[in-house]
N, C-alpha and C. Protein backbone atom coordinates (compact mmCIF):
# COMPACT_ATOMS: atom_id res chain seq x y z
N UNK A 1 0.86 -1.18 0.00
CA UNK A 1 0.00 0.00 0.00
C UNK A 1 0.90 1.24 0.00
N UNK A 2 0.63 2.24 -0.85
CA UNK A 2 1.46 3.44 -0.87
C UNK A 2 1.25 4.28 0.39
N UNK A 3 2.26 5.08 0.76
CA UNK A 3 2.09 5.93 1.94
C UNK A 3 0.97 6.94 1.72
N UNK A 4 0.26 7.25 2.77
CA UNK A 4 -0.86 8.19 2.67
C UNK A 4 -0.35 9.62 2.65
N UNK A 5 0.67 9.91 3.43
CA UNK A 5 1.20 11.27 3.49
C UNK A 5 2.51 11.34 2.72
N UNK A 6 2.68 12.43 2.00
CA UNK A 6 3.90 12.68 1.24
C UNK A 6 5.06 12.82 2.20
N UNK A 7 6.21 12.25 1.87
CA UNK A 7 7.37 12.34 2.76
C UNK A 7 7.96 13.74 2.79
N UNK A 8 7.47 14.63 1.96
CA UNK A 8 7.94 16.02 1.97
C UNK A 8 6.95 16.95 2.67
N UNK A 9 5.91 16.43 3.23
CA UNK A 9 4.89 17.22 3.90
C UNK A 9 5.38 17.62 5.29
N UNK A 10 5.18 18.89 5.65
CA UNK A 10 5.57 19.35 6.99
C UNK A 10 4.77 18.63 8.07
N UNK A 11 5.39 18.43 9.22
CA UNK A 11 4.73 17.76 10.34
C UNK A 11 3.59 18.61 10.91
N UNK A 12 3.72 19.93 10.80
CA UNK A 12 2.72 20.87 11.31
C UNK A 12 2.99 22.22 10.66
N UNK A 13 2.22 23.22 11.03
CA UNK A 13 2.46 24.58 10.54
C UNK A 13 2.10 25.57 11.64
N UNK A 14 2.63 26.77 11.52
CA UNK A 14 2.42 27.79 12.54
C UNK A 14 0.92 28.09 12.69
N UNK A 15 0.46 28.07 13.92
CA UNK A 15 -0.94 28.35 14.21
C UNK A 15 -1.83 27.12 14.23
N UNK A 16 -1.27 25.96 14.02
CA UNK A 16 -2.03 24.72 14.02
C UNK A 16 -2.21 24.23 15.45
N UNK A 17 -3.45 23.78 15.80
CA UNK A 17 -3.64 23.15 17.11
C UNK A 17 -2.97 21.79 17.08
N UNK A 18 -2.43 21.37 18.22
CA UNK A 18 -1.67 20.12 18.28
C UNK A 18 -2.57 18.90 18.31
N UNK A 19 -3.76 19.03 18.87
CA UNK A 19 -4.65 17.89 19.00
C UNK A 19 -6.07 18.40 19.20
N UNK A 20 -6.99 17.48 19.39
CA UNK A 20 -8.39 17.86 19.55
C UNK A 20 -8.88 17.74 20.98
N UNK A 21 -7.96 17.80 21.95
CA UNK A 21 -8.35 17.76 23.34
C UNK A 21 -9.04 19.05 23.76
N UNK A 22 -9.45 19.10 25.02
CA UNK A 22 -10.10 20.29 25.56
C UNK A 22 -9.23 21.51 25.31
N UNK A 23 -9.83 22.58 24.84
CA UNK A 23 -9.10 23.83 24.66
C UNK A 23 -10.03 25.00 24.91
N UNK A 24 -9.49 26.19 24.88
CA UNK A 24 -10.26 27.43 25.03
C UNK A 24 -9.78 28.37 23.94
N UNK A 25 -10.65 28.65 22.99
CA UNK A 25 -10.33 29.55 21.89
C UNK A 25 -11.34 30.69 21.92
N UNK A 26 -10.82 31.92 21.85
CA UNK A 26 -11.71 33.08 21.78
C UNK A 26 -11.44 33.83 20.48
N UNK A 27 -12.35 34.69 20.11
CA UNK A 27 -12.21 35.47 18.89
C UNK A 27 -12.03 36.93 19.25
N UNK A 28 -11.02 37.55 18.65
CA UNK A 28 -10.71 38.96 18.91
C UNK A 28 -10.48 39.65 17.57
N UNK A 29 -10.78 40.94 17.51
CA UNK A 29 -10.54 41.72 16.29
C UNK A 29 -9.08 42.14 16.22
N UNK A 30 -8.50 42.02 15.03
CA UNK A 30 -7.09 42.39 14.83
C UNK A 30 -6.95 43.90 14.70
N UNK A 31 -5.92 44.45 15.34
CA UNK A 31 -5.62 45.88 15.23
C UNK A 31 -4.70 46.14 14.04
N UNK A 32 -4.15 45.10 13.45
CA UNK A 32 -3.23 45.21 12.31
C UNK A 32 -2.93 43.82 11.80
N UNK A 33 -1.89 43.68 11.02
CA UNK A 33 -1.52 42.38 10.47
C UNK A 33 -1.02 41.45 11.57
N UNK A 34 -1.53 40.21 11.57
CA UNK A 34 -1.13 39.20 12.55
C UNK A 34 -0.93 37.89 11.81
N UNK A 35 0.25 37.32 11.94
CA UNK A 35 0.54 36.02 11.33
C UNK A 35 0.05 34.91 12.24
N UNK A 36 -0.51 33.83 11.70
CA UNK A 36 -0.86 32.69 12.55
C UNK A 36 0.39 32.14 13.23
N UNK A 37 0.24 31.72 14.48
CA UNK A 37 1.36 31.11 15.20
C UNK A 37 2.19 32.07 16.01
N UNK A 38 1.70 33.30 16.22
CA UNK A 38 2.43 34.24 17.07
C UNK A 38 1.62 34.52 18.33
N UNK A 39 2.32 34.91 19.38
CA UNK A 39 1.66 35.34 20.62
C UNK A 39 1.01 36.69 20.34
N UNK A 40 -0.22 36.85 20.83
CA UNK A 40 -0.94 38.11 20.63
C UNK A 40 -1.32 38.71 21.98
N UNK A 41 -1.50 40.04 21.98
CA UNK A 41 -1.85 40.74 23.21
C UNK A 41 -2.85 41.85 22.96
N UNK A 42 -3.39 42.37 24.06
CA UNK A 42 -4.39 43.44 24.02
C UNK A 42 -3.79 44.77 23.61
N UNK A 43 -4.66 45.64 23.09
CA UNK A 43 -4.34 47.05 22.90
C UNK A 43 -5.35 47.84 23.72
N UNK A 44 -5.24 49.14 23.71
CA UNK A 44 -6.17 49.95 24.50
C UNK A 44 -7.55 50.06 23.86
N UNK A 45 -7.70 49.67 22.60
CA UNK A 45 -9.00 49.80 21.94
C UNK A 45 -9.73 48.46 21.77
N UNK A 46 -9.51 47.54 22.68
CA UNK A 46 -10.18 46.23 22.68
C UNK A 46 -9.90 45.39 21.44
N UNK A 47 -8.78 45.63 20.78
CA UNK A 47 -8.35 44.78 19.68
C UNK A 47 -7.01 44.17 20.06
N UNK A 48 -6.54 43.22 19.25
CA UNK A 48 -5.28 42.56 19.58
C UNK A 48 -4.21 42.85 18.54
N UNK A 49 -2.96 42.71 18.98
CA UNK A 49 -1.80 42.94 18.13
C UNK A 49 -0.87 41.73 18.22
N UNK A 50 -0.01 41.58 17.21
CA UNK A 50 1.05 40.57 17.29
C UNK A 50 2.03 41.04 18.36
N UNK A 51 2.40 40.15 19.26
CA UNK A 51 3.28 40.52 20.36
C UNK A 51 2.49 40.64 21.65
N UNK A 52 3.18 40.95 22.74
CA UNK A 52 2.54 40.92 24.05
C UNK A 52 1.51 42.01 24.30
N UNK A 53 1.58 43.14 23.57
CA UNK A 53 0.64 44.22 23.82
C UNK A 53 0.66 44.64 25.27
N UNK A 54 -0.49 45.10 25.78
CA UNK A 54 -0.55 45.50 27.19
C UNK A 54 -0.80 44.30 28.11
N UNK A 55 -1.32 43.19 27.54
CA UNK A 55 -1.55 41.95 28.29
C UNK A 55 -1.64 40.81 27.29
N UNK A 56 -0.95 39.74 27.53
CA UNK A 56 -0.95 38.59 26.61
C UNK A 56 -2.32 37.91 26.63
N UNK A 57 -2.84 37.61 25.41
CA UNK A 57 -4.12 36.92 25.28
C UNK A 57 -3.95 35.45 24.92
N UNK A 58 -2.93 35.09 24.13
CA UNK A 58 -2.74 33.71 23.73
C UNK A 58 -2.00 33.59 22.42
N UNK A 59 -2.28 32.53 21.67
CA UNK A 59 -1.59 32.21 20.42
C UNK A 59 -2.57 32.34 19.26
N UNK A 60 -2.21 33.13 18.24
CA UNK A 60 -3.07 33.27 17.05
C UNK A 60 -3.08 31.96 16.27
N UNK A 61 -4.26 31.41 16.08
CA UNK A 61 -4.41 30.14 15.37
C UNK A 61 -4.61 30.37 13.88
N UNK A 62 -4.24 29.36 13.12
CA UNK A 62 -4.56 29.34 11.69
C UNK A 62 -6.06 29.07 11.55
N UNK A 63 -6.69 29.68 10.58
CA UNK A 63 -8.07 29.36 10.24
C UNK A 63 -8.14 29.17 8.73
N UNK A 64 -9.01 28.29 8.29
CA UNK A 64 -9.05 27.95 6.87
C UNK A 64 -9.61 29.05 5.99
N UNK A 65 -10.16 30.09 6.57
CA UNK A 65 -10.67 31.21 5.76
C UNK A 65 -9.61 32.27 5.51
N UNK A 66 -8.46 32.16 6.16
CA UNK A 66 -7.36 33.12 6.01
C UNK A 66 -6.15 32.36 5.47
N UNK A 67 -5.54 32.81 4.37
CA UNK A 67 -4.35 32.10 3.86
C UNK A 67 -3.22 32.08 4.89
N UNK A 68 -2.56 30.93 5.03
CA UNK A 68 -1.46 30.80 6.00
C UNK A 68 -0.36 31.82 5.75
N UNK A 69 -0.04 32.07 4.49
CA UNK A 69 1.07 32.95 4.16
C UNK A 69 0.73 34.41 4.45
N UNK A 70 -0.52 34.81 4.20
CA UNK A 70 -0.91 36.21 4.37
C UNK A 70 -1.24 36.57 5.80
N UNK A 71 -1.92 35.70 6.48
CA UNK A 71 -2.31 35.97 7.85
C UNK A 71 -3.50 36.90 7.95
N UNK A 72 -3.77 37.33 9.18
CA UNK A 72 -4.91 38.20 9.45
C UNK A 72 -4.57 39.65 9.13
N UNK A 73 -5.58 40.42 8.73
CA UNK A 73 -5.42 41.85 8.48
C UNK A 73 -6.27 42.61 9.49
N UNK A 74 -6.12 43.93 9.51
CA UNK A 74 -6.86 44.77 10.45
C UNK A 74 -8.36 44.46 10.37
N UNK A 75 -8.97 44.33 11.53
CA UNK A 75 -10.40 44.06 11.75
C UNK A 75 -10.81 42.62 11.49
N UNK A 76 -9.90 41.74 11.01
CA UNK A 76 -10.25 40.33 10.87
C UNK A 76 -10.52 39.74 12.25
N UNK A 77 -11.38 38.73 12.30
CA UNK A 77 -11.65 38.00 13.54
C UNK A 77 -10.56 36.95 13.72
N UNK A 78 -9.72 37.12 14.73
CA UNK A 78 -8.58 36.24 14.98
C UNK A 78 -8.97 35.18 16.01
N UNK A 79 -8.75 33.92 15.68
CA UNK A 79 -8.96 32.83 16.64
C UNK A 79 -7.73 32.77 17.54
N UNK A 80 -7.94 32.91 18.85
CA UNK A 80 -6.84 32.98 19.80
C UNK A 80 -6.93 31.79 20.77
N UNK A 81 -5.92 30.93 20.73
CA UNK A 81 -5.84 29.78 21.63
C UNK A 81 -5.36 30.26 22.99
N UNK A 82 -6.17 30.01 24.04
CA UNK A 82 -5.80 30.44 25.39
C UNK A 82 -5.41 29.27 26.28
N UNK A 83 -5.94 28.09 25.99
CA UNK A 83 -5.62 26.89 26.78
C UNK A 83 -5.41 25.73 25.82
N UNK A 84 -4.35 25.00 25.98
CA UNK A 84 -4.01 23.76 25.27
C UNK A 84 -2.71 23.94 24.52
N UNK A 85 -2.50 23.13 23.49
CA UNK A 85 -1.23 23.12 22.78
C UNK A 85 -1.41 23.54 21.32
N UNK A 86 -0.47 24.39 20.86
CA UNK A 86 -0.48 24.84 19.47
C UNK A 86 0.94 25.08 18.99
N UNK A 87 1.10 25.20 17.68
CA UNK A 87 2.41 25.39 17.07
C UNK A 87 2.68 26.87 16.87
N UNK A 88 3.79 27.35 17.43
CA UNK A 88 4.16 28.77 17.39
C UNK A 88 5.37 28.98 16.50
N UNK A 89 5.48 30.18 15.95
CA UNK A 89 6.64 30.55 15.13
C UNK A 89 7.83 30.84 16.05
N UNK A 90 8.99 30.29 15.72
CA UNK A 90 10.21 30.55 16.48
C UNK A 90 10.88 31.80 15.91
N UNK A 91 11.37 32.65 16.80
CA UNK A 91 12.08 33.86 16.39
C UNK A 91 13.25 33.48 15.49
N UNK A 92 13.43 34.21 14.40
CA UNK A 92 14.52 33.94 13.47
C UNK A 92 15.85 33.93 14.22
N UNK A 93 16.59 32.84 14.12
CA UNK A 93 17.87 32.69 14.81
C UNK A 93 17.74 32.34 16.28
N UNK A 94 16.51 32.20 16.77
CA UNK A 94 16.28 31.90 18.18
C UNK A 94 16.36 30.42 18.48
N UNK A 95 16.60 30.11 19.75
CA UNK A 95 16.66 28.73 20.22
C UNK A 95 15.51 28.49 21.18
N UNK A 96 15.06 27.23 21.27
CA UNK A 96 14.04 26.85 22.24
C UNK A 96 14.49 25.61 22.98
N UNK A 97 14.09 25.50 24.23
CA UNK A 97 14.45 24.36 25.07
C UNK A 97 13.19 23.62 25.46
N UNK A 98 13.08 22.35 25.06
CA UNK A 98 11.90 21.55 25.40
C UNK A 98 11.69 21.58 26.91
N UNK A 99 10.45 21.78 27.33
CA UNK A 99 10.02 21.87 28.73
C UNK A 99 10.49 23.15 29.41
N UNK A 100 11.04 24.08 28.66
CA UNK A 100 11.46 25.36 29.22
C UNK A 100 10.36 26.40 29.11
N UNK A 101 10.51 27.53 29.82
CA UNK A 101 9.51 28.59 29.78
C UNK A 101 9.51 29.31 28.43
N UNK A 102 8.33 29.76 28.02
CA UNK A 102 8.17 30.45 26.74
C UNK A 102 8.34 31.95 26.94
N UNK A 103 9.10 32.57 26.04
CA UNK A 103 9.25 34.03 26.02
C UNK A 103 8.98 34.49 24.60
N UNK A 104 8.42 35.70 24.46
CA UNK A 104 8.12 36.18 23.11
C UNK A 104 8.80 37.50 22.82
N UNK A 105 9.04 37.72 21.54
CA UNK A 105 9.61 38.97 21.04
C UNK A 105 8.48 39.96 20.78
N UNK A 106 8.82 41.17 20.42
CA UNK A 106 7.83 42.21 20.14
C UNK A 106 6.90 41.82 18.99
N UNK A 107 7.37 40.97 18.07
CA UNK A 107 6.53 40.55 16.94
C UNK A 107 5.70 39.30 17.24
N UNK A 108 5.79 38.77 18.47
CA UNK A 108 5.00 37.61 18.87
C UNK A 108 5.66 36.27 18.63
N UNK A 109 6.82 36.24 17.96
CA UNK A 109 7.53 34.98 17.79
C UNK A 109 8.14 34.58 19.13
N UNK A 110 8.45 33.29 19.29
CA UNK A 110 8.89 32.79 20.59
C UNK A 110 10.31 32.23 20.55
N UNK A 111 10.95 32.25 21.72
CA UNK A 111 12.29 31.67 21.87
C UNK A 111 12.63 31.64 23.36
N UNK A 112 13.79 31.07 23.67
CA UNK A 112 14.28 31.09 25.05
C UNK A 112 14.65 32.49 25.50
N UNK A 113 15.06 33.34 24.56
CA UNK A 113 15.62 34.65 24.90
C UNK A 113 14.69 35.81 24.59
N UNK A 114 13.40 35.56 24.40
CA UNK A 114 12.46 36.65 24.11
C UNK A 114 12.43 37.67 25.22
N UNK A 115 11.96 38.86 24.90
CA UNK A 115 11.95 39.97 25.86
C UNK A 115 10.85 39.84 26.90
N UNK A 116 9.75 39.15 26.57
CA UNK A 116 8.60 39.07 27.47
C UNK A 116 8.26 37.63 27.79
N UNK A 117 8.21 37.29 29.07
CA UNK A 117 7.82 35.94 29.48
C UNK A 117 6.33 35.75 29.22
N UNK A 118 5.95 34.57 28.75
CA UNK A 118 4.54 34.24 28.54
C UNK A 118 4.12 33.42 29.76
N UNK A 119 3.34 34.02 30.68
CA UNK A 119 2.97 33.31 31.91
C UNK A 119 2.26 32.00 31.61
N UNK A 120 2.56 30.99 32.38
CA UNK A 120 1.89 29.70 32.29
C UNK A 120 2.05 29.01 30.94
N UNK A 121 3.17 29.23 30.25
CA UNK A 121 3.40 28.59 28.95
C UNK A 121 4.73 27.85 28.96
N UNK A 122 4.75 26.68 28.30
CA UNK A 122 5.92 25.80 28.29
C UNK A 122 6.15 25.28 26.87
N UNK A 123 7.42 25.21 26.46
CA UNK A 123 7.77 24.57 25.19
C UNK A 123 7.61 23.06 25.37
N UNK A 124 6.86 22.40 24.49
CA UNK A 124 6.65 20.96 24.58
C UNK A 124 7.36 20.18 23.49
N UNK A 125 8.22 20.85 22.73
CA UNK A 125 9.04 20.17 21.72
C UNK A 125 10.29 20.99 21.50
N UNK A 126 11.19 20.43 20.75
CA UNK A 126 12.32 21.22 20.23
C UNK A 126 11.80 21.96 19.00
N UNK A 127 12.59 22.86 18.45
CA UNK A 127 12.20 23.55 17.22
C UNK A 127 12.14 22.55 16.07
N UNK A 128 11.17 22.74 15.19
CA UNK A 128 10.97 21.87 14.04
C UNK A 128 11.12 22.72 12.78
N UNK A 129 11.97 22.28 11.86
CA UNK A 129 12.15 22.98 10.58
C UNK A 129 10.97 22.69 9.67
N UNK A 130 10.34 23.75 9.16
CA UNK A 130 9.25 23.61 8.20
C UNK A 130 9.47 24.65 7.09
N UNK A 131 8.70 24.54 6.04
CA UNK A 131 8.78 25.54 4.98
C UNK A 131 8.50 26.91 5.59
N UNK A 132 9.38 27.86 5.38
CA UNK A 132 9.16 29.20 5.90
C UNK A 132 9.77 29.48 7.26
N UNK A 133 10.51 28.54 7.84
CA UNK A 133 11.16 28.82 9.13
C UNK A 133 11.08 27.66 10.09
N UNK A 134 11.01 28.00 11.39
CA UNK A 134 10.93 26.99 12.43
C UNK A 134 9.68 27.23 13.27
N UNK A 135 9.12 26.12 13.77
CA UNK A 135 7.98 26.20 14.68
C UNK A 135 8.29 25.34 15.90
N UNK A 136 7.51 25.55 16.96
CA UNK A 136 7.69 24.79 18.19
C UNK A 136 6.32 24.57 18.82
N UNK A 137 6.15 23.42 19.46
CA UNK A 137 4.90 23.12 20.15
C UNK A 137 4.90 23.83 21.50
N UNK A 138 3.86 24.63 21.74
CA UNK A 138 3.74 25.40 22.98
C UNK A 138 2.48 24.97 23.70
N UNK A 139 2.58 24.76 25.01
CA UNK A 139 1.40 24.47 25.83
C UNK A 139 1.06 25.70 26.64
N UNK A 140 -0.20 26.11 26.55
CA UNK A 140 -0.68 27.32 27.24
C UNK A 140 -1.66 26.95 28.34
N UNK A 141 -1.55 27.64 29.45
CA UNK A 141 -2.51 27.50 30.55
C UNK A 141 -2.96 28.89 30.95
N UNK A 142 -4.17 29.27 30.57
CA UNK A 142 -4.70 30.58 30.95
C UNK A 142 -5.01 30.53 32.44
N UNK A 143 -5.13 31.61 33.16
CA UNK A 143 -5.08 32.97 32.63
C UNK A 143 -3.64 33.47 32.51
N UNK A 144 -3.47 34.42 31.62
CA UNK A 144 -2.17 35.03 31.42
C UNK A 144 -2.08 36.26 32.30
N UNK A 145 -2.19 36.05 33.57
CA UNK A 145 -2.23 37.16 34.51
C UNK A 145 -0.85 37.44 35.08
N UNK A 146 -0.62 38.69 35.38
CA UNK A 146 0.59 39.08 36.09
C UNK A 146 0.33 38.82 37.56
N UNK A 147 1.28 38.22 38.25
CA UNK A 147 1.10 37.92 39.67
C UNK A 147 0.81 39.21 40.44
N UNK A 148 -0.18 39.18 41.33
CA UNK A 148 -0.50 40.38 42.09
C UNK A 148 0.62 40.72 43.06
N UNK A 149 0.70 41.99 43.38
CA UNK A 149 1.70 42.42 44.37
C UNK A 149 1.24 41.98 45.76
N UNK A 150 2.20 41.78 46.63
CA UNK A 150 1.87 41.41 48.00
C UNK A 150 1.13 42.56 48.67
N UNK A 151 0.13 42.26 49.50
CA UNK A 151 -0.59 43.34 50.18
C UNK A 151 0.34 44.06 51.16
N UNK A 152 0.05 45.31 51.35
CA UNK A 152 0.85 46.10 52.28
C UNK A 152 0.52 45.68 53.71
N UNK A 153 1.53 45.72 54.55
CA UNK A 153 1.34 45.38 55.96
C UNK A 153 0.49 46.46 56.63
N UNK A 154 -0.40 46.06 57.53
CA UNK A 154 -1.26 47.06 58.22
C UNK A 154 -0.48 47.96 59.14
């Protein structure tokens, strides 16, 4: 029997969910261009941007109505993965450590050395070479909250 999948087919692509287990996906309006597979965050006008913004929301997922290469444009409805595992774009030249903490760059790509830590997120694979760059499996656990400050002593 011939193989079902082409041996040149990528194992995954940026913005792809890793499996069909329980997840939490919300829809947010894009404030500008957003590539699938990047970390996204809030802006002051209730829209999201590529990168951490004022507060991290999650990982921009691929959707079949938006071309993978083009990504989302301003005002598009972006599917944002908040809980579970998805494939993220690795920062160009960046390294990732399996089971290590996730950090993101200003453009939302991820690596060990990103400028912003992604709370409650862990790399679940090494970087994988695919057409167009590298991706990595990221596990997210919402909420993406900043730890509260300790209360003042009375």
